[in-house]
Every structure is written in structure tokens, then in C-alpha cells.
Amino acid sequence: MLSLLKFIYNHPFNHDNRLGGVIKFIKWQFNCKLNPYPIVYQFTERAKFLIWKGLTGATCNIYCGLQEYEDMGFLLHFLRPDDVFFDVGANVGAYTLLAAGEIGAKTISVEPIPSTFKYLSDNIAINGLAEKVQPLNIGLGNDSRIMKFTKSLDTVNHVATDSETDTIDVAIKRMDDISSLIPTLIKIDVEGFETEVLKGAKNILSNQNLKAVIIELNGSGNRYGYNEQLIHDNFVDLGFKSYRYNPDKKELIPLGNYGNYNTIYIRDQSFVMDRISSARKIKIGQKEI
């Protein structure tokens, strides 16, 4: 609880009204005590969430506007309606709703856990995004097969190790095989399985129409024996450079290596900066970015 309150208080979206974020948290806790039913939460001007107690992939956006402020801000400023976005590890669909609901980009949304996929599908439905979003209840990897996933760890469900129980079987495909479309932007959040996902995306990664990748590299790959430095090196070999993004200043900040959490890899910086500098204002709650 204390760590969550610190996260809310220090979140960059709340820096002008830190107490306001904490008050939103308290109000939500009261709502959960009194109301056992889902509510519809207005995420952005054009996108909304179906949300209820315990749905941590969505609730933090209530307190913090955009849970992953830098990376979600980058998506909102970079994508355009004619683009294609791949949301790999979509969870309940926060990035999908921003890309398809707010921006209008064609989105392929991949979520392996059936119960979470149901929430994702509900969020696509309440936003009327059936024509914009193709949801896939699969996992991604380097080949086609069945793999075991954990199923009761909410936002950190992952490919199960040999010692883990309470698992389900999930069909795995290669990213290169899920669509003939080439994404302009990919977000990858697969809890340590990034190495295998990228091995199955060689054609997409080498296509120059792919301009950016948002990827979580936080050491989770260690559970499978993967070296995340090799992921960074591979991106560099493909012509990408690593950045953070400041949505308030519309500023790309070079990293040199990868960050502690999400890292944005960009190819063709001038193209990306032209997009960012000309992006329309996006309203999140009472704030515009």
C-alpha cells in the first residue's frame, strides 16, 4: 500500500497536484467497498475503460492519468490514424485503447491469458473498436507450439517455468505470422520472454516501416536464462537507438543502453521527431499533453 501511494505521489502526471492523485486513490477504495459492480471510466476524450476492484492493469490509470506516463505519452504523440500498432502483452488493453480508441490506429492486440483476454475484449467492445482492433488470444514466441503460462498473477502472468504450478496451456505463434500488416510501433510486455518473441519477429524488425518499439527490459528474462543486453545489441544492429520520452516537453532523451523498466527504441529519429512535434494535444482528465 505504501509503495503504491509513493508511486502515485511521485508520478509525473500528478506533479502539479500530488494530493489530487492520492485523493483519487482514496475515492476509488471507497467505491470498491460500496460498489461491487464494474464502472465505465473515461480514460481519454475518445477512449474509456470498463474497470473494477483488483484490475491493476487499469486502476492505476485512475490515480495517475497514464500509468506508464512516458511510454503512453510517446504512443499518443507518435501514432497517427493510418498507422498499425501491435500491442504484445496487451493485458486489459490500456495501450490498445490509446492507440485505437484515442488515435484511431489499426491495432493487433495479443493477450495469452483467457480471463484477461475477456477483459480486453470487453474494453474493445464498449469503445466500439471491432473494426479497428484485432484481438488474439495467443502468446508469441519463436515457433508454433503449446506452452504453459501462469494464470493467477494478474499483470505479471508469464510463460511458466518448470517449478511453477497453477498454469494453463496457451497456443504460441510467431509475430511474423500473425498478420500481413507491418506495424509502425510495437509495444512488448511479456515478463521476460522478450528474447523469444523477438526471434519470431525477424521480418518485422528488419522492415524499415517499423519506426519504434516500446519494450520492457527489467531483468525478468533472468528467469529463463536470457541476457537482456543481447536484446539491446540486436536493436542497435538493426539501426535503432534507445530513448526515454518526456511528454511534457515532447523531448526524446538518449539513453545509450536500456532503461530499468520500459525502453523506447527508435529508428529514423528525424521522422519520429517530426511526428512528435506536430502531434495534437491529447486531453487526459483535466490535463493536456
Protein backbone atom coordinates (compact mmCIF):
# COMPACT_ATOMS: atom_id res chain seq x y z
CA MET A 1 0.00 0.00 0.00
CA LEU A 2 2.76 2.47 0.97
CA SER A 3 4.73 1.78 -2.19
CA LEU A 4 1.62 2.40 -4.30
CA LEU A 5 0.94 5.70 -2.53
CA LYS A 6 4.55 6.75 -3.15
CA PHE A 7 4.17 5.81 -6.81
CA ILE A 8 1.00 7.93 -7.08
CA TYR A 9 2.51 10.88 -5.19
CA ASN A 10 5.68 10.93 -7.30
CA HIS A 11 4.04 10.12 -10.63
CA PRO A 12 4.90 12.78 -13.26
CA PHE A 13 1.27 13.15 -14.30
CA ASN A 14 0.50 14.30 -10.74
CA HIS A 15 3.45 16.66 -10.25
CA ASP A 16 1.18 19.74 -10.34
CA ASN A 17 -1.37 18.18 -7.97
CA ARG A 18 0.22 15.38 -5.96
CA LEU A 19 -2.53 15.37 -3.34
CA GLY A 20 -5.13 15.06 -6.09
CA GLY A 21 -3.73 11.69 -7.15
CA VAL A 22 -3.85 10.40 -3.59
CA ILE A 23 -7.44 11.64 -3.21
CA LYS A 24 -8.41 9.74 -6.37
CA PHE A 25 -6.90 6.62 -4.85
CA ILE A 26 -8.89 7.06 -1.62
CA LYS A 27 -12.12 7.68 -3.53
CA TRP A 28 -11.56 4.54 -5.58
CA GLN A 29 -11.05 2.47 -2.42
CA PHE A 30 -14.38 3.74 -1.06
CA ASN A 31 -16.03 2.93 -4.37
CA CYS A 32 -14.71 -0.62 -4.17
CA LYS A 33 -16.17 -1.03 -0.66
CA LEU A 34 -19.61 0.26 -1.65
CA ASN A 35 -19.98 -0.78 -5.28
CA PRO A 36 -19.35 -4.41 -6.32
CA TYR A 37 -20.10 -3.68 -9.98
CA PRO A 38 -17.82 -2.54 -12.80
CA ILE A 39 -17.81 1.13 -13.73
CA VAL A 40 -17.05 2.83 -17.03
CA TYR A 41 -14.09 5.15 -16.58
CA GLN A 42 -13.31 7.85 -19.15
CA PHE A 43 -9.65 7.18 -19.93
CA THR A 44 -9.12 9.88 -22.57
CA GLU A 45 -11.54 12.06 -24.53
CA ARG A 46 -12.14 9.25 -27.02
CA ALA A 47 -11.44 6.08 -25.01
CA LYS A 48 -12.94 4.54 -21.89
CA PHE A 49 -12.25 1.59 -19.59
CA LEU A 50 -14.53 -0.98 -18.00
CA ILE A 51 -12.94 -1.14 -14.58
CA TRP A 52 -13.46 -2.70 -11.16
CA LYS A 53 -11.72 -3.67 -7.94
CA GLY A 54 -8.47 -5.58 -8.31
CA LEU A 55 -7.98 -4.85 -12.00
CA THR A 56 -4.49 -3.44 -11.54
CA GLY A 57 -3.82 -3.24 -15.28
CA ALA A 58 -6.41 -0.45 -15.38
CA THR A 59 -6.95 1.05 -11.91
CA CYS A 60 -3.60 2.85 -11.69
CA ASN A 61 -4.69 4.96 -14.66
CA ILE A 62 -7.45 6.38 -12.43
CA TYR A 63 -4.90 7.77 -9.96
CA CYS A 64 -2.19 8.67 -12.45
CA GLY A 65 -3.91 9.56 -15.71
CA LEU A 66 -1.48 7.44 -17.71
CA GLN A 67 0.13 4.69 -15.64
CA GLU A 68 3.22 4.48 -17.84
CA TYR A 69 3.35 8.20 -18.49
CA GLU A 70 6.43 8.47 -20.68
CA ASP A 71 5.70 5.49 -22.91
CA MET A 72 1.95 6.06 -23.22
CA GLY A 73 2.68 9.73 -23.93
CA PHE A 74 5.10 8.71 -26.68
CA LEU A 75 2.44 6.49 -28.26
CA LEU A 76 -0.14 9.29 -28.17
CA HIS A 77 2.22 11.84 -29.72
CA PHE A 78 3.77 9.50 -32.31
CA LEU A 79 0.94 7.39 -33.74
CA ARG A 80 -1.41 8.55 -36.48
CA PRO A 81 -4.75 7.10 -37.66
CA ASP A 82 -3.20 5.48 -40.75
CA ASP A 83 -0.60 3.59 -38.68
CA VAL A 84 -0.58 -0.01 -37.49
CA PHE A 85 0.17 -0.77 -33.85
CA PHE A 86 1.00 -4.18 -32.31
CA ASP A 87 0.19 -4.47 -28.59
CA VAL A 88 2.06 -7.58 -27.43
CA GLY A 89 1.12 -8.50 -23.89
CA ALA A 90 -1.96 -6.28 -24.00
CA ASN A 91 -3.40 -7.22 -20.60
CA VAL A 92 -6.81 -5.46 -20.33
CA GLY A 93 -5.93 -3.11 -23.17
CA ALA A 94 -4.62 0.23 -21.91
CA TYR A 95 -2.22 0.72 -24.83
CA THR A 96 -4.76 -0.73 -27.25
CA LEU A 97 -7.39 1.79 -26.17
CA LEU A 98 -4.94 4.68 -26.52
CA ALA A 99 -3.81 3.57 -29.98
CA ALA A 100 -7.15 2.52 -31.47
CA GLY A 101 -9.63 4.45 -29.34
CA GLU A 102 -7.89 7.81 -28.95
CA ILE A 103 -5.69 7.91 -32.07
CA GLY A 104 -7.63 5.63 -34.41
CA ALA A 105 -4.71 3.41 -35.47
CA LYS A 106 -5.30 -0.15 -36.67
CA THR A 107 -4.26 -2.38 -33.76
CA ILE A 108 -3.42 -6.03 -33.31
CA SER A 109 -3.73 -6.83 -29.63
CA VAL A 110 -2.15 -10.03 -28.26
CA GLU A 111 -3.09 -11.37 -24.82
CA PRO A 112 -2.44 -15.04 -23.89
CA ILE A 113 -4.42 -15.44 -20.63
CA PRO A 114 -8.11 -16.25 -21.38
CA SER A 115 -9.55 -14.46 -18.33
CA THR A 116 -7.56 -11.30 -19.10
CA PHE A 117 -8.41 -11.62 -22.78
CA LYS A 118 -12.11 -11.46 -21.79
CA TYR A 119 -11.48 -8.07 -20.08
CA LEU A 120 -9.57 -6.89 -23.16
CA SER A 121 -12.43 -7.95 -25.43
CA ASP A 122 -14.97 -6.16 -23.21
CA ASN A 123 -12.93 -2.94 -23.40
CA ILE A 124 -12.72 -3.21 -27.17
CA ALA A 125 -16.50 -3.71 -27.30
CA ILE A 126 -17.53 -0.79 -25.07
CA ASN A 127 -15.39 1.53 -27.20
CA GLY A 128 -16.90 0.25 -30.46
CA LEU A 129 -13.47 -0.73 -31.79
CA ALA A 130 -14.29 -4.02 -33.52
CA GLU A 131 -13.29 -2.54 -36.88
CA LYS A 132 -10.04 -1.12 -35.52
CA VAL A 133 -8.73 -3.87 -33.23
CA GLN A 134 -7.93 -7.50 -33.94
CA PRO A 135 -7.61 -9.25 -30.55
CA LEU A 136 -5.64 -12.52 -30.48
CA ASN A 137 -5.84 -14.93 -27.53
CA ILE A 138 -2.38 -16.39 -28.07
CA GLY A 139 1.20 -15.99 -26.92
CA LEU A 140 4.15 -15.08 -29.11
CA GLY A 141 7.49 -16.83 -29.43
CA ASN A 142 9.95 -18.27 -31.93
CA ASP A 143 7.79 -21.14 -33.23
CA SER A 144 4.27 -22.58 -33.24
CA ARG A 145 3.54 -24.81 -30.26
CA ILE A 146 1.70 -25.05 -26.96
CA MET A 147 3.33 -23.59 -23.83
CA LYS A 148 2.29 -23.33 -20.20
CA PHE A 149 1.56 -19.90 -18.70
CA THR A 150 0.83 -18.84 -15.15
CA LYS A 151 -2.80 -17.73 -14.83
CA SER A 152 -3.32 -16.12 -11.41
CA LEU A 153 -0.64 -13.39 -11.25
CA ASP A 154 -2.68 -10.59 -12.86
CA THR A 155 -0.40 -8.18 -14.76
CA VAL A 156 2.70 -10.35 -14.30
CA ASN A 157 1.44 -13.65 -15.73
CA HIS A 158 4.18 -15.19 -17.84
CA VAL A 159 5.50 -18.29 -19.54
CA ALA A 160 5.70 -20.79 -16.69
CA THR A 161 8.98 -22.27 -15.52
CA ASP A 162 9.24 -25.96 -14.61
CA SER A 163 8.72 -25.26 -10.91
CA GLU A 164 5.52 -23.23 -11.32
CA THR A 165 2.05 -24.68 -10.89
CA ASP A 166 -1.49 -23.34 -11.44
CA THR A 167 -0.85 -22.98 -15.16
CA ILE A 168 -2.77 -23.12 -18.42
CA ASP A 169 -1.86 -24.21 -21.94
CA VAL A 170 -1.54 -21.40 -24.49
CA ALA A 171 -1.01 -21.57 -28.25
CA ILE A 172 2.18 -19.81 -29.38
CA LYS A 173 2.78 -18.21 -32.78
CA ARG A 174 5.50 -16.09 -34.34
CA MET A 175 4.88 -12.35 -34.62
CA ASP A 176 5.89 -12.56 -38.27
CA ASP A 177 2.94 -14.91 -38.86
CA ILE A 178 0.04 -13.14 -37.14
CA SER A 179 -0.62 -10.53 -39.82
CA SER A 180 0.43 -9.32 -43.24
CA LEU A 181 0.42 -5.77 -41.84
CA ILE A 182 3.69 -4.12 -40.82
CA PRO A 183 3.44 -2.08 -37.62
CA THR A 184 4.76 1.44 -37.26
CA LEU A 185 5.03 0.92 -33.50
CA ILE A 186 5.17 -2.20 -31.30
CA LYS A 187 4.77 -2.40 -27.55
CA ILE A 188 6.16 -5.60 -25.96
CA ASP A 189 5.47 -6.51 -22.34
CA VAL A 190 5.89 -10.27 -21.93
CA GLU A 191 7.51 -10.59 -18.50
CA GLY A 192 10.93 -11.85 -19.51
CA PHE A 193 10.06 -13.76 -22.70
CA GLU A 194 11.12 -10.87 -24.95
CA THR A 195 14.09 -12.78 -26.40
CA GLU A 196 11.87 -15.48 -27.90
CA VAL A 197 9.23 -13.00 -29.07
CA LEU A 198 11.86 -11.01 -30.96
CA LYS A 199 13.33 -14.15 -32.51
CA GLY A 200 9.91 -14.74 -34.05
CA ALA A 201 9.73 -11.19 -35.44
CA LYS A 202 12.84 -11.01 -37.62
CA ASN A 203 10.98 -9.96 -40.77
CA ILE A 204 9.01 -7.24 -38.99
CA LEU A 205 12.06 -5.90 -37.15
CA SER A 206 14.05 -5.62 -40.37
CA ASN A 207 11.24 -3.78 -42.19
CA GLN A 208 12.01 -0.06 -42.37
CA ASN A 209 8.33 0.82 -41.93
CA LEU A 210 8.71 -0.14 -38.26
CA LYS A 211 9.90 3.06 -36.63
CA ALA A 212 9.73 2.37 -32.87
CA VAL A 213 9.45 -0.36 -30.23
CA ILE A 214 8.46 0.12 -26.61
CA ILE A 215 9.81 -2.85 -24.67
CA GLU A 216 10.04 -3.79 -21.01
CA LEU A 217 13.58 -4.87 -20.05
CA ASN A 218 13.63 -5.12 -16.26
CA GLY A 219 15.62 -8.28 -15.62
CA SER A 220 12.67 -10.67 -15.87
CA GLY A 221 14.48 -12.52 -18.63
CA ASN A 222 16.79 -13.94 -15.98
CA ARG A 223 14.13 -16.50 -15.03
CA TYR A 224 14.65 -18.11 -18.45
CA GLY A 225 18.41 -17.57 -18.60
CA TYR A 226 18.21 -14.73 -21.16
CA ASN A 227 20.68 -11.84 -21.33
CA GLU A 228 18.74 -8.64 -22.00
CA GLN A 229 21.91 -6.84 -23.08
CA LEU A 230 21.77 -9.00 -26.21
CA ILE A 231 18.31 -7.61 -26.97
CA HIS A 232 19.69 -4.08 -26.81
CA ASP A 233 22.64 -5.03 -29.01
CA ASN A 234 20.32 -6.58 -31.58
CA PHE A 235 18.21 -3.42 -31.76
CA VAL A 236 21.36 -1.35 -32.31
CA ASP A 237 22.45 -3.71 -35.10
CA LEU A 238 19.05 -3.15 -36.74
CA GLY A 239 19.52 0.62 -36.72
CA PHE A 240 17.61 1.53 -33.58
CA LYS A 241 18.75 3.76 -30.73
CA SER A 242 17.38 3.76 -27.18
CA TYR A 243 15.48 6.68 -25.64
CA ARG A 244 13.23 7.88 -22.87
CA TYR A 245 10.46 10.33 -23.67
CA ASN A 246 9.28 13.45 -21.86
CA PRO A 247 5.64 14.05 -22.93
CA ASP A 248 5.50 17.50 -21.30
CA LYS A 249 8.39 18.80 -23.40
CA LYS A 250 7.91 16.46 -26.37
CA GLU A 251 11.55 15.55 -25.89
CA LEU A 252 13.44 12.36 -26.75
CA ILE A 253 16.22 11.67 -24.24
CA PRO A 254 19.05 9.39 -25.49
CA LEU A 255 19.95 6.52 -23.15
CA GLY A 256 22.92 4.79 -24.72
CA ASN A 257 21.74 1.47 -23.28
CA TYR A 258 18.39 0.23 -22.00
CA GLY A 259 16.50 1.60 -19.02
CA ASN A 260 15.36 -0.05 -15.80
CA TYR A 261 11.79 -0.55 -16.99
CA ASN A 262 10.43 0.30 -20.43
CA THR A 263 12.81 1.47 -23.12
CA ILE A 264 11.82 3.13 -26.39
CA TYR A 265 13.88 2.01 -29.40
CA ILE A 266 13.65 4.36 -32.37
CA ARG A 267 14.74 4.03 -35.97
CA ASP A 268 14.75 7.20 -38.13
CA GLN A 269 14.80 9.80 -35.37
CA SER A 270 14.02 12.72 -37.71
CA PHE A 271 10.80 11.02 -38.87
CA VAL A 272 9.78 10.34 -35.29
CA MET A 273 10.57 13.87 -34.12
CA ASP A 274 8.56 15.38 -36.99
CA ARG A 275 5.62 13.28 -35.86
CA ILE A 276 6.02 14.22 -32.20
CA SER A 277 6.49 17.95 -32.81
CA SER A 278 3.31 18.12 -34.90
CA ALA A 279 1.17 15.95 -32.60
CA ARG A 280 -2.19 17.32 -31.49
CA LYS A 281 -2.88 17.94 -27.83
CA ILE A 282 -4.34 14.92 -26.02
CA LYS A 283 -6.65 15.52 -23.06
CA ILE A 284 -6.26 13.14 -20.12
CA GLY A 285 -8.71 14.08 -17.38
CA GLN A 286 -8.19 17.80 -16.75
CA LYS A 287 -4.69 17.80 -18.23
CA GLU A 288 -3.45 18.13 -21.79
CA ILE A 289 -0.22 16.65 -23.05
